[in-house]
Protein backbone atom coordinates (compact mmCIF):
# COMPACT_ATOMS: atom_id res chain seq x y z
CA ARG A 1 99.60 134.75 136.32
CA ASN A 2 99.57 131.61 137.71
CA THR A 3 96.15 130.29 135.82
CA ALA A 4 97.41 131.14 133.07
CA LEU A 5 101.01 129.40 133.42
CA ALA A 6 98.18 126.26 134.42
CA SER A 7 96.64 126.32 131.56
CA ILE A 8 99.67 126.75 129.44
CA ALA A 9 101.37 123.31 131.05
CA ILE A 10 98.88 121.76 130.66
CA VAL A 11 98.49 122.42 126.60
CA GLY A 12 102.20 121.32 126.89
CA ASP A 13 101.44 118.22 128.56
CA VAL A 14 98.44 117.18 126.18
CA ALA A 15 99.88 118.03 123.19
CA THR A 16 103.42 115.58 124.32
CA ARG A 17 100.91 113.35 125.35
CA TRP A 18 98.31 113.10 122.44
CA ALA A 19 100.04 114.86 119.53
CA VAL A 20 103.10 113.55 119.17
CA PRO A 21 101.93 110.14 118.90
CA ALA A 22 98.70 111.13 116.44
CA VAL A 23 101.92 112.36 114.39
CA VAL A 24 103.94 109.44 114.82
CA ALA A 25 101.17 107.17 113.80
CA ALA A 26 99.68 109.24 111.15
CA VAL A 27 103.61 108.96 109.28
CA SER A 28 104.18 105.77 109.86
CA ALA A 29 100.49 104.60 107.76
CA ALA A 30 101.51 106.94 105.35
CA ALA A 31 104.96 105.36 104.63
CA ILE A 32 103.21 101.65 105.61
CA LYS A 33 100.52 103.10 102.23
CA TRP A 34 103.19 104.08 100.17
CA ARG A 35 105.34 100.46 99.84
CA LEU A 36 102.59 98.31 100.28
CA ASP A 37 101.12 100.81 97.16
CA ARG A 38 104.25 99.58 94.86
CA PRO A 39 104.21 96.84 92.57
CA SER A 40 107.02 94.02 92.97
CA ARG A 41 107.03 94.37 89.41
CA PRO A 42 105.49 96.10 86.47
CA TYR A 43 102.42 94.73 84.51
CA ASP A 44 102.50 94.33 81.27
CA ALA A 45 98.80 93.60 80.04
CA SER A 46 100.21 92.78 75.91
CA ALA A 47 101.75 89.81 77.78
CA ASN A 48 99.13 89.09 81.08
CA SER A 49 95.68 88.92 79.36
CA VAL A 50 93.60 86.91 80.74
CA GLY A 51 92.45 85.73 77.03
CA ARG A 52 96.53 84.96 76.10
CA GLU A 53 96.32 82.19 79.73
CA TYR A 54 93.17 81.19 78.08
CA ASP A 55 94.19 80.59 75.05
CA ALA A 56 97.11 78.95 76.22
CA TRP A 57 94.93 76.52 78.45
CA THR A 58 93.03 75.31 75.35
CA ARG A 59 95.84 74.12 73.33
CA GLU A 60 97.37 72.25 76.15
CA GLY A 61 94.29 70.89 76.58
CA ILE A 62 94.37 71.73 80.15
CA LEU A 63 90.97 72.73 80.95
CA GLU A 64 89.90 69.24 79.39
CA HIS A 65 92.52 67.27 81.79
CA TYR A 66 90.83 68.05 84.89
CA TRP A 67 87.32 69.27 84.42
CA GLY A 68 86.53 66.84 81.43
CA GLU A 69 84.84 67.48 78.42
CA HIS A 70 82.01 68.90 79.97
CA ILE A 71 83.71 72.36 80.39
CA HIS A 72 82.51 75.36 78.04
CA LEU A 73 85.89 76.45 76.03
CA GLY A 74 83.50 79.00 74.08
CA TRP A 75 84.00 78.48 70.88
CA TYR A 76 85.59 75.06 68.45
CA THR A 77 86.39 74.63 64.80
CA ASP A 78 84.49 71.58 63.30
CA GLU A 79 88.25 70.21 63.17
CA GLU A 80 88.29 70.30 67.30
CA LEU A 81 84.57 69.43 66.92
CA LYS A 82 85.05 65.92 65.45
CA ARG A 83 88.03 65.29 68.66
């Protein structure tokens, strides 16, 4: 009978020593993941596209200004080629 009580006490000690911190760590990790997975603002694909920014850079001449005329921006009209 004393052996059974000692076994229960050991199991209880292990549960307190390891299980509680493991549960706390798992809950903390889930809370951190949940918080980091939330975007700070909604993404609008129609307003935030690479193509839209690329077109704006082309109109403003930003790429040519910083990297010169040798940068390839894709397709040019005949008027653009004359410049």
